[in-house]
Amino acid sequence: MINVGWVTYALRTTENPAELRQAIELVSDKLGVVLLVLGVMHFFNLFIFSRVRRRAQENSAPPPFPPDAMLTPAEHRPGS
């Protein structure tokens, strides 16, 4: 709904093109801006959804396994 409302608002104009070429250029300019804005909004939505998904997957991940063995520091190792 936001996209449709913004598109109808962005396509309004007060210019009166005198020739067909001017009318086509005006519509092309308007549609180009609309497509760029919608592309940016789409990228932002995908970015937010991927962050939400990554956070949900991190929270549902199994806990890490406990270590099998421990290393001692070099000064406490036998034979050093």
PDB file of N, CA and C in Angstrom:
ATOM      1  N   MET A   1       0.823  -1.190   0.000  1.00  0.00           N
ATOM      2  CA  MET A   1       0.000   0.000   0.000  1.00  0.00           C
ATOM      3  C   MET A   1       0.870   1.258   0.000  1.00  0.00           C
ATOM      4  N   ILE A   2       1.954   1.216   0.755  1.00  0.00           N
ATOM      5  CA  ILE A   2       2.846   2.377   0.775  1.00  0.00           C
ATOM      6  C   ILE A   2       3.437   2.595  -0.615  1.00  0.00           C
ATOM      7  N   ASN A   3       3.849   1.505  -1.255  1.00  0.00           N
ATOM      8  CA  ASN A   3       4.449   1.626  -2.585  1.00  0.00           C
ATOM      9  C   ASN A   3       3.460   2.199  -3.592  1.00  0.00           C
ATOM     10  N   VAL A   4       2.251   1.695  -3.591  1.00  0.00           N
ATOM     11  CA  VAL A   4       1.240   2.174  -4.554  1.00  0.00           C
ATOM     12  C   VAL A   4       0.921   3.640  -4.299  1.00  0.00           C
ATOM     13  N   GLY A   5       0.797   4.010  -3.049  1.00  0.00           N
ATOM     14  CA  GLY A   5       0.518   5.412  -2.719  1.00  0.00           C
ATOM     15  C   GLY A   5       1.647   6.327  -3.139  1.00  0.00           C
ATOM     16  N   TRP A   6       2.876   5.887  -2.901  1.00  0.00           N
ATOM     17  CA  TRP A   6       4.007   6.727  -3.273  1.00  0.00           C
ATOM     18  C   TRP A   6       4.138   6.833  -4.797  1.00  0.00           C
ATOM     19  N   VAL A   7       3.886   5.736  -5.486  1.00  0.00           N
ATOM     20  CA  VAL A   7       3.970   5.763  -6.956  1.00  0.00           C
ATOM     21  C   VAL A   7       2.945   6.732  -7.525  1.00  0.00           C
ATOM     22  N   THR A   8       1.725   6.686  -7.058  1.00  0.00           N
ATOM     23  CA  THR A   8       0.703   7.606  -7.582  1.00  0.00           C
ATOM     24  C   THR A   8       1.043   9.052  -7.238  1.00  0.00           C
ATOM     25  N   TYR A   9       1.649   9.276  -6.083  1.00  0.00           N
ATOM     26  CA  TYR A   9       2.059  10.631  -5.721  1.00  0.00           C
ATOM     27  C   TYR A   9       3.230  11.092  -6.585  1.00  0.00           C
ATOM     28  N   ALA A  10       4.198  10.192  -6.813  1.00  0.00           N
ATOM     29  CA  ALA A  10       5.398  10.562  -7.568  1.00  0.00           C
ATOM     30  C   ALA A  10       5.104  10.766  -9.047  1.00  0.00           C
ATOM     31  N   LEU A  11       4.088  10.144  -9.587  1.00  0.00           N
ATOM     32  CA  LEU A  11       3.791  10.280 -11.008  1.00  0.00           C
ATOM     33  C   LEU A  11       2.971  11.527 -11.333  1.00  0.00           C
ATOM     34  N   ARG A  12       2.472  12.205 -10.297  1.00  0.00           N
ATOM     35  CA  ARG A  12       1.743  13.450 -10.562  1.00  0.00           C
ATOM     36  C   ARG A  12       2.703  14.512 -11.074  1.00  0.00           C
ATOM     37  N   THR A  13       2.226  15.364 -11.942  1.00  0.00           N
ATOM     38  CA  THR A  13       3.059  16.435 -12.477  1.00  0.00           C
ATOM     39  C   THR A  13       2.192  17.631 -12.846  1.00  0.00           C
ATOM     40  N   THR A  14       2.834  18.789 -12.848  1.00  0.00           N
ATOM     41  CA  THR A  14       2.134  20.007 -13.279  1.00  0.00           C
ATOM     42  C   THR A  14       2.600  20.448 -14.655  1.00  0.00           C
ATOM     43  N   GLU A  15       3.579  19.698 -15.202  1.00  0.00           N
ATOM     44  CA  GLU A  15       4.091  20.044 -16.536  1.00  0.00           C
ATOM     45  C   GLU A  15       3.068  19.680 -17.602  1.00  0.00           C
ATOM     46  N   ASN A  16       3.081  20.457 -18.670  1.00  0.00           N
ATOM     47  CA  ASN A  16       2.225  20.207 -19.821  1.00  0.00           C
ATOM     48  C   ASN A  16       3.115  19.977 -21.031  1.00  0.00           C
ATOM     49  N   PRO A  17       3.457  18.712 -21.327  1.00  0.00           N
ATOM     50  CA  PRO A  17       4.353  18.478 -22.468  1.00  0.00           C
ATOM     51  C   PRO A  17       3.671  18.863 -23.780  1.00  0.00           C
ATOM     52  N   ALA A  18       4.432  19.556 -24.606  1.00  0.00           N
ATOM     53  CA  ALA A  18       3.882  20.035 -25.877  1.00  0.00           C
ATOM     54  C   ALA A  18       4.016  18.984 -26.974  1.00  0.00           C
ATOM     55  N   GLU A  19       4.991  18.111 -26.851  1.00  0.00           N
ATOM     56  CA  GLU A  19       5.230  17.101 -27.883  1.00  0.00           C
ATOM     57  C   GLU A  19       5.206  15.714 -27.262  1.00  0.00           C
ATOM     58  N   LEU A  20       5.091  14.728 -28.142  1.00  0.00           N
ATOM     59  CA  LEU A  20       5.096  13.340 -27.696  1.00  0.00           C
ATOM     60  C   LEU A  20       6.432  12.977 -27.056  1.00  0.00           C
ATOM     61  N   ARG A  21       7.514  13.505 -27.620  1.00  0.00           N
ATOM     62  CA  ARG A  21       8.847  13.214 -27.069  1.00  0.00           C
ATOM     63  C   ARG A  21       8.963  13.722 -25.633  1.00  0.00           C
ATOM     64  N   GLN A  22       8.486  14.896 -25.354  1.00  0.00           N
ATOM     65  CA  GLN A  22       8.530  15.443 -24.001  1.00  0.00           C
ATOM     66  C   GLN A  22       7.682  14.610 -23.044  1.00  0.00           C
ATOM     67  N   ALA A  23       6.555  14.133 -23.514  1.00  0.00           N
ATOM     68  CA  ALA A  23       5.690  13.307 -22.669  1.00  0.00           C
ATOM     69  C   ALA A  23       6.377  11.987 -22.331  1.00  0.00           C
ATOM     70  N   ILE A  24       7.024  11.374 -23.319  1.00  0.00           N
ATOM     71  CA  ILE A  24       7.723  10.107 -23.078  1.00  0.00           C
ATOM     72  C   ILE A  24       8.896  10.320 -22.123  1.00  0.00           C
ATOM     73  N   GLU A  25       9.648  11.414 -22.299  1.00  0.00           N
ATOM     74  CA  GLU A  25      10.760  11.704 -21.399  1.00  0.00           C
ATOM     75  C   GLU A  25      10.272  11.952 -19.975  1.00  0.00           C
ATOM     76  N   LEU A  26       9.162  12.642 -19.827  1.00  0.00           N
ATOM     77  CA  LEU A  26       8.612  12.917 -18.499  1.00  0.00           C
ATOM     78  C   LEU A  26       8.199  11.616 -17.808  1.00  0.00           C
ATOM     79  N   VAL A  27       7.501  10.763 -18.521  1.00  0.00           N
ATOM     80  CA  VAL A  27       7.073   9.482 -17.943  1.00  0.00           C
ATOM     81  C   VAL A  27       8.289   8.611 -17.624  1.00  0.00           C
ATOM     82  N   SER A  28       9.293   8.617 -18.491  1.00  0.00           N
ATOM     83  CA  SER A  28      10.502   7.825 -18.247  1.00  0.00           C
ATOM     84  C   SER A  28      11.237   8.315 -17.005  1.00  0.00           C
ATOM     85  N   ASP A  29      11.353   9.616 -16.863  1.00  0.00           N
ATOM     86  CA  ASP A  29      12.002  10.166 -15.670  1.00  0.00           C
ATOM     87  C   ASP A  29      11.245   9.780 -14.404  1.00  0.00           C
ATOM     88  N   LYS A  30       9.953   9.919 -14.434  1.00  0.00           N
ATOM     89  CA  LYS A  30       9.134   9.596 -13.258  1.00  0.00           C
ATOM     90  C   LYS A  30       9.233   8.110 -12.912  1.00  0.00           C
ATOM     91  N   LEU A  31       9.109   7.245 -13.919  1.00  0.00           N
ATOM     92  CA  LEU A  31       9.189   5.804 -13.658  1.00  0.00           C
ATOM     93  C   LEU A  31      10.582   5.389 -13.200  1.00  0.00           C
ATOM     94  N   GLY A  32      11.613   6.036 -13.725  1.00  0.00           N
ATOM     95  CA  GLY A  32      12.969   5.735 -13.292  1.00  0.00           C
ATOM     96  C   GLY A  32      13.169   6.024 -11.815  1.00  0.00           C
ATOM     97  N   VAL A  33      12.684   7.162 -11.366  1.00  0.00           N
ATOM     98  CA  VAL A  33      12.791   7.505  -9.943  1.00  0.00           C
ATOM     99  C   VAL A  33      11.997   6.523  -9.103  1.00  0.00           C
ATOM    100  N   VAL A  34      10.802   6.185  -9.548  1.00  0.00           N
ATOM    101  CA  VAL A  34       9.967   5.233  -8.807  1.00  0.00           C
ATOM    102  C   VAL A  34      10.676   3.884  -8.692  1.00  0.00           C
ATOM    103  N   LEU A  35      11.245   3.386  -9.785  1.00  0.00           N
ATOM    104  CA  LEU A  35      11.927   2.095  -9.748  1.00  0.00           C
ATOM    105  C   LEU A  35      13.166   2.122  -8.865  1.00  0.00           C
ATOM    106  N   LEU A  36      13.906   3.210  -8.877  1.00  0.00           N
ATOM    107  CA  LEU A  36      15.070   3.319  -7.996  1.00  0.00           C
ATOM    108  C   LEU A  36      14.662   3.299  -6.524  1.00  0.00           C
ATOM    109  N   VAL A  37      13.628   4.036  -6.184  1.00  0.00           N
ATOM    110  CA  VAL A  37      13.179   4.073  -4.788  1.00  0.00           C
ATOM    111  C   VAL A  37      12.652   2.710  -4.363  1.00  0.00           C
ATOM    112  N   LEU A  38      11.877   2.072  -5.214  1.00  0.00           N
ATOM    113  CA  LEU A  38      11.369   0.741  -4.871  1.00  0.00           C
ATOM    114  C   LEU A  38      12.515  -0.270  -4.747  1.00  0.00           C
ATOM    115  N   GLY A  39      13.539  -0.152  -5.569  1.00  0.00           N
ATOM    116  CA  GLY A  39      14.698  -1.031  -5.452  1.00  0.00           C
ATOM    117  C   GLY A  39      15.429  -0.839  -4.132  1.00  0.00           C
ATOM    118  N   VAL A  40      15.588   0.399  -3.714  1.00  0.00           N
ATOM    119  CA  VAL A  40      16.232   0.677  -2.425  1.00  0.00           C
ATOM    120  C   VAL A  40      15.384   0.134  -1.279  1.00  0.00           C
ATOM    121  N   MET A  41      14.088   0.313  -1.354  1.00  0.00           N
ATOM    122  CA  MET A  41      13.203  -0.216  -0.305  1.00  0.00           C
ATOM    123  C   MET A  41      13.275  -1.740  -0.260  1.00  0.00           C
ATOM    124  N   HIS A  42      13.325  -2.389  -1.416  1.00  0.00           N
ATOM    125  CA  HIS A  42      13.415  -3.846  -1.479  1.00  0.00           C
ATOM    126  C   HIS A  42      14.731  -4.332  -0.869  1.00  0.00           C
ATOM    127  N   PHE A  43      15.848  -3.671  -1.199  1.00  0.00           N
ATOM    128  CA  PHE A  43      17.136  -4.034  -0.625  1.00  0.00           C
ATOM    129  C   PHE A  43      17.116  -3.872   0.892  1.00  0.00           C
ATOM    130  N   PHE A  44      16.547  -2.791   1.384  1.00  0.00           N
ATOM    131  CA  PHE A  44      16.471  -2.552   2.831  1.00  0.00           C
ATOM    132  C   PHE A  44      15.637  -3.636   3.509  1.00  0.00           C
ATOM    133  N   ASN A  45      14.519  -4.020   2.904  1.00  0.00           N
ATOM    134  CA  ASN A  45      13.682  -5.091   3.474  1.00  0.00           C
ATOM    135  C   ASN A  45      14.446  -6.412   3.525  1.00  0.00           C
ATOM    136  N   LEU A  46      15.140  -6.764   2.461  1.00  0.00           N
ATOM    137  CA  LEU A  46      15.915  -8.004   2.455  1.00  0.00           C
ATOM    138  C   LEU A  46      17.021  -7.967   3.496  1.00  0.00           C
ATOM    139  N   PHE A  47      17.658  -6.834   3.673  1.00  0.00           N
ATOM    140  CA  PHE A  47      18.705  -6.691   4.679  1.00  0.00           C
ATOM    141  C   PHE A  47      18.145  -6.911   6.084  1.00  0.00           C
ATOM    142  N   ILE A  48      17.020  -6.293   6.380  1.00  0.00           N
ATOM    143  CA  ILE A  48      16.405  -6.444   7.703  1.00  0.00           C
ATOM    144  C   ILE A  48      15.966  -7.887   7.923  1.00  0.00           C
ATOM    145  N   PHE A  49      15.322  -8.504   6.939  1.00  0.00           N
ATOM    146  CA  PHE A  49      14.862  -9.884   7.105  1.00  0.00           C
ATOM    147  C   PHE A  49      16.036 -10.848   7.288  1.00  0.00           C
ATOM    148  N   SER A  50      17.153 -10.621   6.588  1.00  0.00           N
ATOM    149  CA  SER A  50      18.298 -11.515   6.768  1.00  0.00           C
ATOM    150  C   SER A  50      18.895 -11.356   8.159  1.00  0.00           C
ATOM    151  N   ARG A  51      18.904 -10.147   8.695  1.00  0.00           N
ATOM    152  CA  ARG A  51      19.409  -9.953  10.062  1.00  0.00           C
ATOM    153  C   ARG A  51      18.503 -10.634  11.082  1.00  0.00           C
ATOM    154  N   VAL A  52      17.197 -10.522  10.891  1.00  0.00           N
ATOM    155  CA  VAL A  52      16.254 -11.172  11.808  1.00  0.00           C
ATOM    156  C   VAL A  52      16.417 -12.680  11.739  1.00  0.00           C
ATOM    157  N   ARG A  53      16.558 -13.214  10.535  1.00  0.00           N
ATOM    158  CA  ARG A  53      16.709 -14.667  10.374  1.00  0.00           C
ATOM    159  C   ARG A  53      18.009 -15.150  11.008  1.00  0.00           C
ATOM    160  N   ARG A  54      19.095 -14.426  10.790  1.00  0.00           N
ATOM    161  CA  ARG A  54      20.379 -14.826  11.363  1.00  0.00           C
ATOM    162  C   ARG A  54      20.309 -14.829  12.894  1.00  0.00           C
ATOM    163  N   ARG A  55      19.684 -13.830  13.457  1.00  0.00           N
ATOM    164  CA  ARG A  55      19.554 -13.769  14.920  1.00  0.00           C
ATOM    165  C   ARG A  55      18.701 -14.919  15.439  1.00  0.00           C
ATOM    166  N   ALA A  56      17.640 -15.271  14.731  1.00  0.00           N
ATOM    167  CA  ALA A  56      16.789 -16.385  15.152  1.00  0.00           C
ATOM    168  C   ALA A  56      17.551 -17.698  15.058  1.00  0.00           C
ATOM    169  N   GLN A  57      18.371 -17.883  14.034  1.00  0.00           N
ATOM    170  CA  GLN A  57      19.143 -19.110  13.908  1.00  0.00           C
ATOM    171  C   GLN A  57      20.221 -19.203  14.979  1.00  0.00           C
ATOM    172  N   GLU A  58      20.828 -18.090  15.360  1.00  0.00           N
ATOM    173  CA  GLU A  58      21.832 -18.109  16.416  1.00  0.00           C
ATOM    174  C   GLU A  58      21.206 -18.483  17.758  1.00  0.00           C
ATOM    175  N   ASN A  59      20.014 -17.987  18.022  1.00  0.00           N
ATOM    176  CA  ASN A  59      19.350 -18.272  19.289  1.00  0.00           C
ATOM    177  C   ASN A  59      18.879 -19.716  19.376  1.00  0.00           C
ATOM    178  N   SER A  60      18.591 -20.351  18.253  1.00  0.00           N
ATOM    179  CA  SER A  60      18.093 -21.718  18.283  1.00  0.00           C
ATOM    180  C   SER A  60      19.191 -22.748  18.035  1.00  0.00           C
ATOM    181  N   ALA A  61      20.436 -22.306  17.934  1.00  0.00           N
ATOM    182  CA  ALA A  61      21.545 -23.232  17.691  1.00  0.00           C
ATOM    183  C   ALA A  61      21.796 -24.073  18.941  1.00  0.00           C
ATOM    184  N   PRO A  62      22.238 -25.321  18.776  1.00  0.00           N
ATOM    185  CA  PRO A  62      22.532 -26.148  19.952  1.00  0.00           C
ATOM    186  C   PRO A  62      23.741 -25.594  20.698  1.00  0.00           C
ATOM    187  N   PRO A  63      23.841 -25.866  21.991  1.00  0.00           N
ATOM    188  CA  PRO A  63      24.983 -25.350  22.745  1.00  0.00           C
ATOM    189  C   PRO A  63      26.274 -26.040  22.299  1.00  0.00           C
ATOM    190  N   PRO A  64      27.406 -25.400  22.503  1.00  0.00           N
ATOM    191  CA  PRO A  64      28.669 -26.017  22.087  1.00  0.00           C
ATOM    192  C   PRO A  64      28.995 -27.219  22.967  1.00  0.00           C
ATOM    193  N   PHE A  65      29.798 -28.133  22.420  1.00  0.00           N
ATOM    194  CA  PHE A  65      30.212 -29.320  23.165  1.00  0.00           C
ATOM    195  C   PHE A  65      31.283 -28.947  24.178  1.00  0.00           C
ATOM    196  N   PRO A  66      31.325 -29.658  25.311  1.00  0.00           N
ATOM    197  CA  PRO A  66      32.400 -29.396  26.267  1.00  0.00           C
ATOM    198  C   PRO A  66      33.733 -29.894  25.699  1.00  0.00           C
ATOM    199  N   PRO A  67      34.850 -29.331  26.136  1.00  0.00           N
ATOM    200  CA  PRO A  67      36.140 -29.759  25.581  1.00  0.00           C
ATOM    201  C   PRO A  67      36.471 -31.189  25.977  1.00  0.00           C
ATOM    202  N   ASP A  68      37.212 -31.891  25.107  1.00  0.00           N
ATOM    203  CA  ASP A  68      37.634 -33.266  25.378  1.00  0.00           C
ATOM    204  C   ASP A  68      38.848 -33.295  26.297  1.00  0.00           C
ATOM    205  N   ALA A  69      39.730 -32.334  26.152  1.00  0.00           N
ATOM    206  CA  ALA A  69      40.949 -32.301  26.951  1.00  0.00           C
ATOM    207  C   ALA A  69      41.350 -30.847  27.168  1.00  0.00           C
ATOM    208  N   MET A  70      42.254 -30.654  28.104  1.00  0.00           N
ATOM    209  CA  MET A  70      42.750 -29.308  28.389  1.00  0.00           C
ATOM    210  C   MET A  70      44.261 -29.295  28.205  1.00  0.00           C
ATOM    211  N   LEU A  71      44.757 -28.235  27.648  1.00  0.00           N
ATOM    212  CA  LEU A  71      46.199 -28.075  27.506  1.00  0.00           C
ATOM    213  C   LEU A  71      46.705 -27.281  28.701  1.00  0.00           C
ATOM    214  N   THR A  72      47.827 -27.676  29.210  1.00  0.00           N
ATOM    215  CA  THR A  72      48.418 -26.948  30.322  1.00  0.00           C
ATOM    216  C   THR A  72      49.441 -25.971  29.772  1.00  0.00           C
ATOM    217  N   PRO A  73      49.699 -24.906  30.505  1.00  0.00           N
ATOM    218  CA  PRO A  73      50.718 -23.952  30.036  1.00  0.00           C
ATOM    219  C   PRO A  73      52.088 -24.612  29.940  1.00  0.00           C
ATOM    220  N   ALA A  74      53.001 -24.066  29.135  1.00  0.00           N
ATOM    221  CA  ALA A  74      54.307 -24.663  28.851  1.00  0.00           C
ATOM    222  C   ALA A  74      55.140 -24.829  30.113  1.00  0.00           C
ATOM    223  N   GLU A  75      55.043 -23.913  31.069  1.00  0.00           N
ATOM    224  CA  GLU A  75      55.890 -24.013  32.259  1.00  0.00           C
ATOM    225  C   GLU A  75      55.460 -25.138  33.194  1.00  0.00           C
ATOM    226  N   HIS A  76      54.258 -25.627  33.093  1.00  0.00           N
ATOM    227  CA  HIS A  76      53.756 -26.680  33.957  1.00  0.00           C
ATOM    228  C   HIS A  76      53.753 -28.049  33.281  1.00  0.00           C
ATOM    229  N   ARG A  77      54.187 -28.126  32.043  1.00  0.00           N
ATOM    230  CA  ARG A  77      54.196 -29.417  31.357  1.00  0.00           C
ATOM    231  C   ARG A  77      55.351 -30.263  31.859  1.00  0.00           C
ATOM    232  N   PRO A  78      55.080 -31.552  32.032  1.00  0.00           N
ATOM    233  CA  PRO A  78      56.188 -32.410  32.447  1.00  0.00           C
ATOM    234  C   PRO A  78      57.231 -32.541  31.335  1.00  0.00           C
ATOM    235  N   GLY A  79      58.473 -32.546  31.691  1.00  0.00           N
ATOM    236  CA  GLY A  79      59.541 -32.732  30.727  1.00  0.00           C
ATOM    237  C   GLY A  79      60.028 -31.446  30.085  1.00  0.00           C
ATOM    238  N   SER A  80      59.557 -30.253  30.518  1.00  0.00           N
ATOM    239  CA  SER A  80      60.051 -29.038  29.893  1.00  0.00           C
ATOM    240  C   SER A  80      61.129 -28.384  30.715  1.00  0.00           C
TER     241      SER A  80
END
